[in-house]
Amino acid sequence: AGAVVFTREDDPRAPSETLQGLAADGSSAWITSTTVSWSAGGTSVVVDGRAAPVVLGNFTDSATFGSAPPLTSAGGVDLAYQVFDSTGHLVSAGSWGTPDDEKYSSLGVDSSGNVVIATTSVAPSLDTVSVSFMNFAR
């Protein structure tokens, strides 16, 4: 058993996210830093049964995470997730969104390794709110 520490650096010149895997004795098992675009950022982290971290956050317009292909917003604020392997290497990045603003309330990984997110979509007029339960296969 161990832990994963997530840190976001909001330096406008070079925003980045750092993941650090810690062994059970507190020593550093691995550390990795991923450059991100200013419009994106992770704020929630969960670790799956294979010790692979998943980071979830929001972005607007377009976003980049390390060497993954850029993500483009469907409109407003969208969700972005990053999947890492158990040694902190970025495996994939993805997004979900509608023309409305997306917010999330929880993040998880199911027993098959799929990313599971509880979301809320809010129309810009604030007349409509919908709640979704998203399941993204890796």
N, C-alpha and C. Protein backbone atom coordinates (compact mmCIF):
# COMPACT_ATOMS: atom_id res chain seq x y z
N ALA A 1 0.83 -1.18 0.00
CA ALA A 1 0.00 0.00 0.00
C ALA A 1 0.88 1.24 0.00
N GLY A 2 0.35 2.30 -0.52
CA GLY A 2 1.07 3.56 -0.59
C GLY A 2 0.07 4.67 -0.83
N ALA A 3 0.50 5.72 -1.49
CA ALA A 3 -0.36 6.86 -1.76
C ALA A 3 0.11 7.56 -3.02
N VAL A 4 -0.76 8.41 -3.56
CA VAL A 4 -0.42 9.26 -4.69
C VAL A 4 -0.70 10.70 -4.27
N VAL A 5 0.25 11.59 -4.48
CA VAL A 5 0.11 13.00 -4.16
C VAL A 5 -0.02 13.76 -5.48
N PHE A 6 -1.03 14.63 -5.59
CA PHE A 6 -1.27 15.42 -6.79
C PHE A 6 -1.06 16.89 -6.46
N THR A 7 -0.31 17.60 -7.30
CA THR A 7 -0.07 19.03 -7.12
C THR A 7 -0.27 19.74 -8.44
N ARG A 8 -0.95 20.88 -8.41
CA ARG A 8 -1.13 21.70 -9.62
C ARG A 8 -0.36 23.00 -9.41
N GLU A 9 0.45 23.36 -10.41
CA GLU A 9 1.22 24.60 -10.38
C GLU A 9 0.58 25.56 -11.38
N ASP A 10 -0.02 26.65 -10.91
CA ASP A 10 -0.73 27.59 -11.77
C ASP A 10 0.13 28.73 -12.26
N ASP A 11 1.40 28.49 -12.50
CA ASP A 11 2.29 29.52 -13.05
C ASP A 11 1.85 29.83 -14.48
N PRO A 12 1.43 31.07 -14.79
CA PRO A 12 0.94 31.40 -16.13
C PRO A 12 1.97 31.14 -17.24
N ARG A 13 3.25 31.14 -16.90
CA ARG A 13 4.28 30.88 -17.92
C ARG A 13 4.43 29.41 -18.22
N ALA A 14 4.15 28.54 -17.26
CA ALA A 14 4.35 27.10 -17.45
C ALA A 14 3.49 26.30 -16.46
N PRO A 15 2.17 26.31 -16.66
CA PRO A 15 1.33 25.53 -15.75
C PRO A 15 1.63 24.04 -15.88
N SER A 16 1.57 23.34 -14.77
CA SER A 16 1.85 21.90 -14.79
C SER A 16 1.13 21.19 -13.65
N GLU A 17 1.09 19.88 -13.77
CA GLU A 17 0.55 19.02 -12.73
C GLU A 17 1.61 17.98 -12.40
N THR A 18 1.78 17.70 -11.13
CA THR A 18 2.76 16.71 -10.71
C THR A 18 2.07 15.62 -9.92
N LEU A 19 2.40 14.38 -10.25
CA LEU A 19 1.95 13.22 -9.49
C LEU A 19 3.17 12.58 -8.86
N GLN A 20 3.02 12.17 -7.61
CA GLN A 20 4.11 11.47 -6.94
C GLN A 20 3.55 10.23 -6.28
N GLY A 21 4.11 9.08 -6.62
CA GLY A 21 3.72 7.83 -6.00
C GLY A 21 4.58 7.59 -4.78
N LEU A 22 3.94 7.30 -3.66
CA LEU A 22 4.66 7.05 -2.41
C LEU A 22 4.51 5.60 -2.01
N ALA A 23 5.59 4.99 -1.59
CA ALA A 23 5.57 3.63 -1.07
C ALA A 23 4.98 3.64 0.33
N ALA A 24 4.67 2.46 0.86
CA ALA A 24 4.06 2.35 2.19
C ALA A 24 4.92 2.98 3.28
N ASP A 25 6.25 2.98 3.10
CA ASP A 25 7.12 3.56 4.12
C ASP A 25 7.30 5.07 3.95
N GLY A 26 6.60 5.67 2.96
CA GLY A 26 6.68 7.12 2.74
C GLY A 26 7.74 7.55 1.75
N SER A 27 8.57 6.62 1.29
CA SER A 27 9.59 6.97 0.31
C SER A 27 8.94 7.18 -1.07
N SER A 28 9.60 7.92 -1.92
CA SER A 28 9.06 8.21 -3.25
C SER A 28 9.33 7.04 -4.18
N ALA A 29 8.26 6.44 -4.68
CA ALA A 29 8.38 5.32 -5.62
C ALA A 29 8.58 5.84 -7.04
N TRP A 30 7.94 6.96 -7.38
CA TRP A 30 8.07 7.61 -8.69
C TRP A 30 7.49 9.01 -8.61
N ILE A 31 7.89 9.86 -9.56
CA ILE A 31 7.36 11.21 -9.66
C ILE A 31 7.32 11.58 -11.14
N THR A 32 6.26 12.26 -11.56
CA THR A 32 6.14 12.71 -12.93
C THR A 32 5.45 14.06 -12.98
N SER A 33 5.85 14.87 -13.93
CA SER A 33 5.24 16.19 -14.10
C SER A 33 4.72 16.29 -15.52
N THR A 34 3.50 16.80 -15.67
CA THR A 34 2.86 16.93 -16.98
C THR A 34 2.55 18.39 -17.22
N THR A 35 2.97 18.92 -18.35
CA THR A 35 2.59 20.29 -18.69
C THR A 35 1.13 20.31 -19.12
N VAL A 36 0.44 21.38 -18.78
CA VAL A 36 -0.97 21.53 -19.14
C VAL A 36 -1.17 22.95 -19.67
N SER A 37 -2.24 23.14 -20.43
CA SER A 37 -2.55 24.48 -20.89
C SER A 37 -3.18 25.26 -19.75
N TRP A 38 -3.13 26.58 -19.83
CA TRP A 38 -3.65 27.43 -18.76
C TRP A 38 -5.15 27.23 -18.56
N SER A 39 -5.90 26.87 -19.62
CA SER A 39 -7.35 26.75 -19.53
C SER A 39 -7.80 25.45 -18.88
N ALA A 40 -6.86 24.59 -18.50
CA ALA A 40 -7.24 23.28 -17.97
C ALA A 40 -6.58 23.02 -16.63
N GLY A 41 -7.21 22.15 -15.88
CA GLY A 41 -6.58 21.77 -14.63
C GLY A 41 -7.35 20.69 -13.93
N GLY A 42 -6.62 19.78 -13.34
CA GLY A 42 -7.23 18.73 -12.55
C GLY A 42 -7.42 19.18 -11.12
N THR A 43 -8.45 18.66 -10.50
CA THR A 43 -8.66 19.00 -9.10
C THR A 43 -9.04 17.78 -8.26
N SER A 44 -9.37 16.66 -8.90
CA SER A 44 -9.72 15.44 -8.16
C SER A 44 -8.86 14.29 -8.66
N VAL A 45 -8.46 13.42 -7.74
CA VAL A 45 -7.64 12.26 -8.09
C VAL A 45 -8.21 11.04 -7.41
N VAL A 46 -8.24 9.93 -8.15
CA VAL A 46 -8.60 8.64 -7.58
C VAL A 46 -7.57 7.64 -8.11
N VAL A 47 -7.29 6.60 -7.34
CA VAL A 47 -6.35 5.57 -7.75
C VAL A 47 -7.12 4.27 -7.89
N ASP A 48 -6.97 3.59 -9.05
CA ASP A 48 -7.72 2.36 -9.28
C ASP A 48 -7.05 1.17 -8.61
N GLY A 49 -7.62 0.00 -8.78
CA GLY A 49 -7.13 -1.22 -8.15
C GLY A 49 -5.76 -1.65 -8.61
N ARG A 50 -5.28 -1.10 -9.72
CA ARG A 50 -3.94 -1.42 -10.23
C ARG A 50 -2.94 -0.33 -9.86
N ALA A 51 -3.30 0.54 -8.95
CA ALA A 51 -2.46 1.66 -8.48
C ALA A 51 -2.20 2.69 -9.57
N ALA A 52 -3.16 2.83 -10.51
CA ALA A 52 -3.03 3.81 -11.59
C ALA A 52 -3.91 5.02 -11.28
N PRO A 53 -3.32 6.22 -11.18
CA PRO A 53 -4.10 7.43 -10.87
C PRO A 53 -4.95 7.90 -12.05
N VAL A 54 -6.10 8.47 -11.74
CA VAL A 54 -6.97 9.15 -12.69
C VAL A 54 -7.21 10.54 -12.13
N VAL A 55 -7.00 11.58 -12.95
CA VAL A 55 -7.17 12.97 -12.54
C VAL A 55 -8.34 13.55 -13.31
N LEU A 56 -9.22 14.28 -12.62
CA LEU A 56 -10.39 14.90 -13.24
C LEU A 56 -10.38 16.39 -12.96
N GLY A 57 -10.78 17.17 -13.95
CA GLY A 57 -10.87 18.62 -13.78
C GLY A 57 -11.76 19.22 -14.86
N ASN A 58 -11.70 20.53 -14.99
CA ASN A 58 -12.50 21.25 -15.98
C ASN A 58 -11.58 22.00 -16.93
N PHE A 59 -12.12 22.35 -18.11
CA PHE A 59 -11.38 23.20 -19.04
C PHE A 59 -12.36 23.97 -19.90
N THR A 60 -11.85 25.02 -20.53
CA THR A 60 -12.63 25.82 -21.47
C THR A 60 -11.85 25.91 -22.78
N ASP A 61 -12.55 26.14 -23.87
CA ASP A 61 -11.96 26.30 -25.20
C ASP A 61 -11.19 25.04 -25.61
N SER A 62 -9.89 25.02 -25.42
CA SER A 62 -9.10 23.83 -25.73
C SER A 62 -8.10 23.61 -24.61
N ALA A 63 -7.63 22.37 -24.50
CA ALA A 63 -6.70 22.03 -23.42
C ALA A 63 -5.69 21.01 -23.91
N THR A 64 -4.50 21.09 -23.36
CA THR A 64 -3.48 20.10 -23.64
C THR A 64 -2.94 19.54 -22.33
N PHE A 65 -2.65 18.25 -22.36
CA PHE A 65 -2.07 17.56 -21.22
C PHE A 65 -0.86 16.78 -21.72
N GLY A 66 0.33 17.28 -21.43
CA GLY A 66 1.54 16.60 -21.88
C GLY A 66 1.53 16.39 -23.38
N SER A 67 1.84 15.16 -23.81
CA SER A 67 1.93 14.85 -25.24
C SER A 67 0.62 14.31 -25.82
N ALA A 68 -0.45 14.27 -25.01
CA ALA A 68 -1.74 13.77 -25.51
C ALA A 68 -2.31 14.76 -26.54
N PRO A 69 -3.11 14.28 -27.49
CA PRO A 69 -3.73 15.19 -28.46
C PRO A 69 -4.57 16.25 -27.74
N PRO A 70 -4.65 17.47 -28.29
CA PRO A 70 -5.44 18.53 -27.65
C PRO A 70 -6.92 18.15 -27.55
N LEU A 71 -7.56 18.64 -26.51
CA LEU A 71 -9.00 18.45 -26.32
C LEU A 71 -9.69 19.76 -26.68
N THR A 72 -10.89 19.68 -27.27
CA THR A 72 -11.64 20.87 -27.63
C THR A 72 -12.98 20.83 -26.92
N SER A 73 -13.33 21.94 -26.30
CA SER A 73 -14.58 22.04 -25.55
C SER A 73 -15.78 22.01 -26.49
N ALA A 74 -16.86 21.38 -26.05
CA ALA A 74 -18.12 21.38 -26.80
C ALA A 74 -18.86 22.69 -26.59
N GLY A 75 -18.35 23.52 -25.69
CA GLY A 75 -18.96 24.80 -25.36
C GLY A 75 -18.95 25.01 -23.87
N GLY A 76 -18.77 26.21 -23.44
CA GLY A 76 -18.75 26.48 -22.00
C GLY A 76 -17.62 25.75 -21.31
N VAL A 77 -17.90 25.25 -20.12
CA VAL A 77 -16.93 24.52 -19.32
C VAL A 77 -17.18 23.03 -19.51
N ASP A 78 -16.15 22.27 -19.85
CA ASP A 78 -16.26 20.82 -20.03
C ASP A 78 -15.39 20.09 -19.02
N LEU A 79 -15.57 18.78 -18.93
CA LEU A 79 -14.78 17.93 -18.05
C LEU A 79 -13.60 17.36 -18.82
N ALA A 80 -12.46 17.25 -18.17
CA ALA A 80 -11.28 16.61 -18.76
C ALA A 80 -10.75 15.61 -17.75
N TYR A 81 -10.38 14.43 -18.26
CA TYR A 81 -9.77 13.44 -17.38
C TYR A 81 -8.47 12.95 -17.98
N GLN A 82 -7.54 12.58 -17.10
CA GLN A 82 -6.26 12.02 -17.50
C GLN A 82 -6.09 10.69 -16.79
N VAL A 83 -5.65 9.68 -17.52
CA VAL A 83 -5.42 8.36 -16.97
C VAL A 83 -3.92 8.08 -17.02
N PHE A 84 -3.36 7.67 -15.90
CA PHE A 84 -1.94 7.37 -15.79
C PHE A 84 -1.76 5.88 -15.50
N ASP A 85 -0.58 5.36 -15.76
CA ASP A 85 -0.30 3.98 -15.35
C ASP A 85 0.24 4.00 -13.92
N SER A 86 0.55 2.84 -13.39
CA SER A 86 0.95 2.75 -11.98
C SER A 86 2.33 3.32 -11.71
N THR A 87 3.03 3.78 -12.76
CA THR A 87 4.33 4.43 -12.55
C THR A 87 4.28 5.91 -12.91
N GLY A 88 3.06 6.46 -13.10
CA GLY A 88 2.89 7.88 -13.32
C GLY A 88 3.00 8.36 -14.76
N HIS A 89 3.03 7.44 -15.72
CA HIS A 89 3.09 7.84 -17.13
C HIS A 89 1.68 8.08 -17.66
N LEU A 90 1.48 9.20 -18.36
CA LEU A 90 0.18 9.53 -18.95
C LEU A 90 -0.15 8.51 -20.02
N VAL A 91 -1.30 7.84 -19.87
CA VAL A 91 -1.75 6.83 -20.82
C VAL A 91 -2.74 7.45 -21.80
N SER A 92 -3.68 8.25 -21.28
CA SER A 92 -4.67 8.88 -22.15
C SER A 92 -5.29 10.08 -21.47
N ALA A 93 -5.89 10.93 -22.29
CA ALA A 93 -6.64 12.08 -21.79
C ALA A 93 -7.93 12.14 -22.60
N GLY A 94 -9.01 12.52 -21.97
CA GLY A 94 -10.29 12.60 -22.66
C GLY A 94 -11.15 13.69 -22.07
N SER A 95 -12.27 13.94 -22.74
CA SER A 95 -13.16 15.00 -22.27
C SER A 95 -14.61 14.62 -22.50
N TRP A 96 -15.48 15.33 -21.83
CA TRP A 96 -16.92 15.19 -22.03
C TRP A 96 -17.55 16.55 -21.79
N GLY A 97 -18.50 16.88 -22.66
CA GLY A 97 -19.19 18.14 -22.48
C GLY A 97 -20.33 18.32 -23.45
N THR A 98 -21.15 19.30 -23.16
CA THR A 98 -22.28 19.70 -23.99
C THR A 98 -22.13 21.21 -24.19
N PRO A 99 -23.02 21.86 -24.92
CA PRO A 99 -22.94 23.31 -25.02
C PRO A 99 -23.12 24.02 -23.67
N ASP A 100 -23.66 23.31 -22.68
CA ASP A 100 -23.84 23.88 -21.35
C ASP A 100 -22.54 23.76 -20.55
N ASP A 101 -22.55 24.28 -19.32
CA ASP A 101 -21.40 24.16 -18.43
C ASP A 101 -21.49 22.86 -17.64
N GLU A 102 -20.42 22.09 -17.64
CA GLU A 102 -20.38 20.81 -16.93
C GLU A 102 -19.65 20.99 -15.60
N LYS A 103 -20.20 20.38 -14.59
CA LYS A 103 -19.56 20.34 -13.27
C LYS A 103 -19.61 18.89 -12.81
N TYR A 104 -18.73 18.53 -11.91
CA TYR A 104 -18.74 17.16 -11.41
C TYR A 104 -18.80 17.17 -9.89
N SER A 105 -19.40 16.11 -9.36
CA SER A 105 -19.49 16.01 -7.91
C SER A 105 -18.68 14.84 -7.37
N SER A 106 -18.39 13.85 -8.22
CA SER A 106 -17.58 12.74 -7.73
C SER A 106 -16.88 12.03 -8.88
N LEU A 107 -15.80 11.35 -8.53
CA LEU A 107 -14.95 10.63 -9.47
C LEU A 107 -14.66 9.27 -8.89
N GLY A 108 -14.69 8.24 -9.72
CA GLY A 108 -14.36 6.90 -9.27
C GLY A 108 -13.87 6.05 -10.43
N VAL A 109 -13.46 4.84 -10.11
CA VAL A 109 -13.06 3.86 -11.11
C VAL A 109 -13.76 2.56 -10.72
N ASP A 110 -14.49 1.95 -11.70
CA ASP A 110 -15.21 0.71 -11.38
C ASP A 110 -14.26 -0.48 -11.42
N SER A 111 -14.79 -1.68 -11.12
CA SER A 111 -13.95 -2.87 -11.02
C SER A 111 -13.33 -3.27 -12.36
N SER A 112 -13.85 -2.75 -13.48
CA SER A 112 -13.27 -3.02 -14.80
C SER A 112 -12.24 -1.97 -15.21
N GLY A 113 -12.03 -0.97 -14.37
CA GLY A 113 -11.07 0.07 -14.67
C GLY A 113 -11.63 1.25 -15.43
N ASN A 114 -12.96 1.30 -15.60
CA ASN A 114 -13.59 2.42 -16.29
C ASN A 114 -13.69 3.63 -15.37
N VAL A 115 -13.51 4.82 -15.95
CA VAL A 115 -13.63 6.07 -15.20
C VAL A 115 -15.12 6.38 -15.04
N VAL A 116 -15.56 6.62 -13.80
CA VAL A 116 -16.96 6.88 -13.50
C VAL A 116 -17.07 8.27 -12.87
N ILE A 117 -17.94 9.12 -13.45
CA ILE A 117 -18.07 10.50 -13.00
C ILE A 117 -19.54 10.85 -12.82
N ALA A 118 -19.90 11.46 -11.71
CA ALA A 118 -21.24 12.02 -11.52
C ALA A 118 -21.14 13.49 -11.91
N THR A 119 -21.98 13.92 -12.87
CA THR A 119 -21.88 15.26 -13.42
C THR A 119 -23.19 16.02 -13.32
N THR A 120 -23.10 17.33 -13.46
CA THR A 120 -24.25 18.21 -13.57
C THR A 120 -24.00 19.16 -14.73
N SER A 121 -25.00 19.31 -15.62
CA SER A 121 -24.92 20.28 -16.71
C SER A 121 -25.84 21.44 -16.38
N VAL A 122 -25.32 22.64 -16.51
CA VAL A 122 -26.10 23.83 -16.20
C VAL A 122 -26.15 24.70 -17.45
N ALA A 123 -27.36 24.95 -17.95
CA ALA A 123 -27.52 25.82 -19.12
C ALA A 123 -27.12 27.23 -18.75
N PRO A 124 -26.53 27.97 -19.70
CA PRO A 124 -26.10 29.35 -19.40
C PRO A 124 -27.24 30.22 -18.85
N SER A 125 -28.47 29.96 -19.27
CA SER A 125 -29.60 30.75 -18.78
C SER A 125 -29.99 30.36 -17.36
N LEU A 126 -29.42 29.25 -16.86
CA LEU A 126 -29.72 28.70 -15.53
C LEU A 126 -31.16 28.23 -15.38
N ASP A 127 -31.88 28.09 -16.51
CA ASP A 127 -33.25 27.58 -16.46
C ASP A 127 -33.27 26.06 -16.44
N THR A 128 -32.18 25.41 -16.88
CA THR A 128 -32.15 23.97 -17.00
C THR A 128 -30.94 23.40 -16.29
N VAL A 129 -31.16 22.38 -15.48
CA VAL A 129 -30.07 21.65 -14.85
C VAL A 129 -30.33 20.18 -15.07
N SER A 130 -29.33 19.44 -15.55
CA SER A 130 -29.47 18.00 -15.70
C SER A 130 -28.34 17.31 -14.96
N VAL A 131 -28.62 16.13 -14.43
CA VAL A 131 -27.62 15.37 -13.69
C VAL A 131 -27.36 14.08 -14.46
N SER A 132 -26.09 13.72 -14.64
CA SER A 132 -25.71 12.53 -15.40
C SER A 132 -24.74 11.68 -14.59
N PHE A 133 -24.70 10.42 -14.93
CA PHE A 133 -23.74 9.49 -14.37
C PHE A 133 -22.95 8.96 -15.56
N MET A 134 -21.69 9.35 -15.68
CA MET A 134 -20.87 9.02 -16.86
C MET A 134 -19.95 7.84 -16.54
N ASN A 135 -19.76 6.97 -17.54
CA ASN A 135 -18.84 5.85 -17.41
C ASN A 135 -17.99 5.83 -18.67
N PHE A 136 -16.70 6.13 -18.57
CA PHE A 136 -15.79 6.18 -19.71
C PHE A 136 -14.90 4.94 -19.69
N ALA A 137 -14.98 4.14 -20.75
CA ALA A 137 -14.07 2.99 -20.87
C ALA A 137 -12.68 3.52 -21.17
N ARG A 138 -11.68 2.89 -20.61
CA ARG A 138 -10.31 3.32 -20.87
C ARG A 138 -9.82 2.73 -22.16
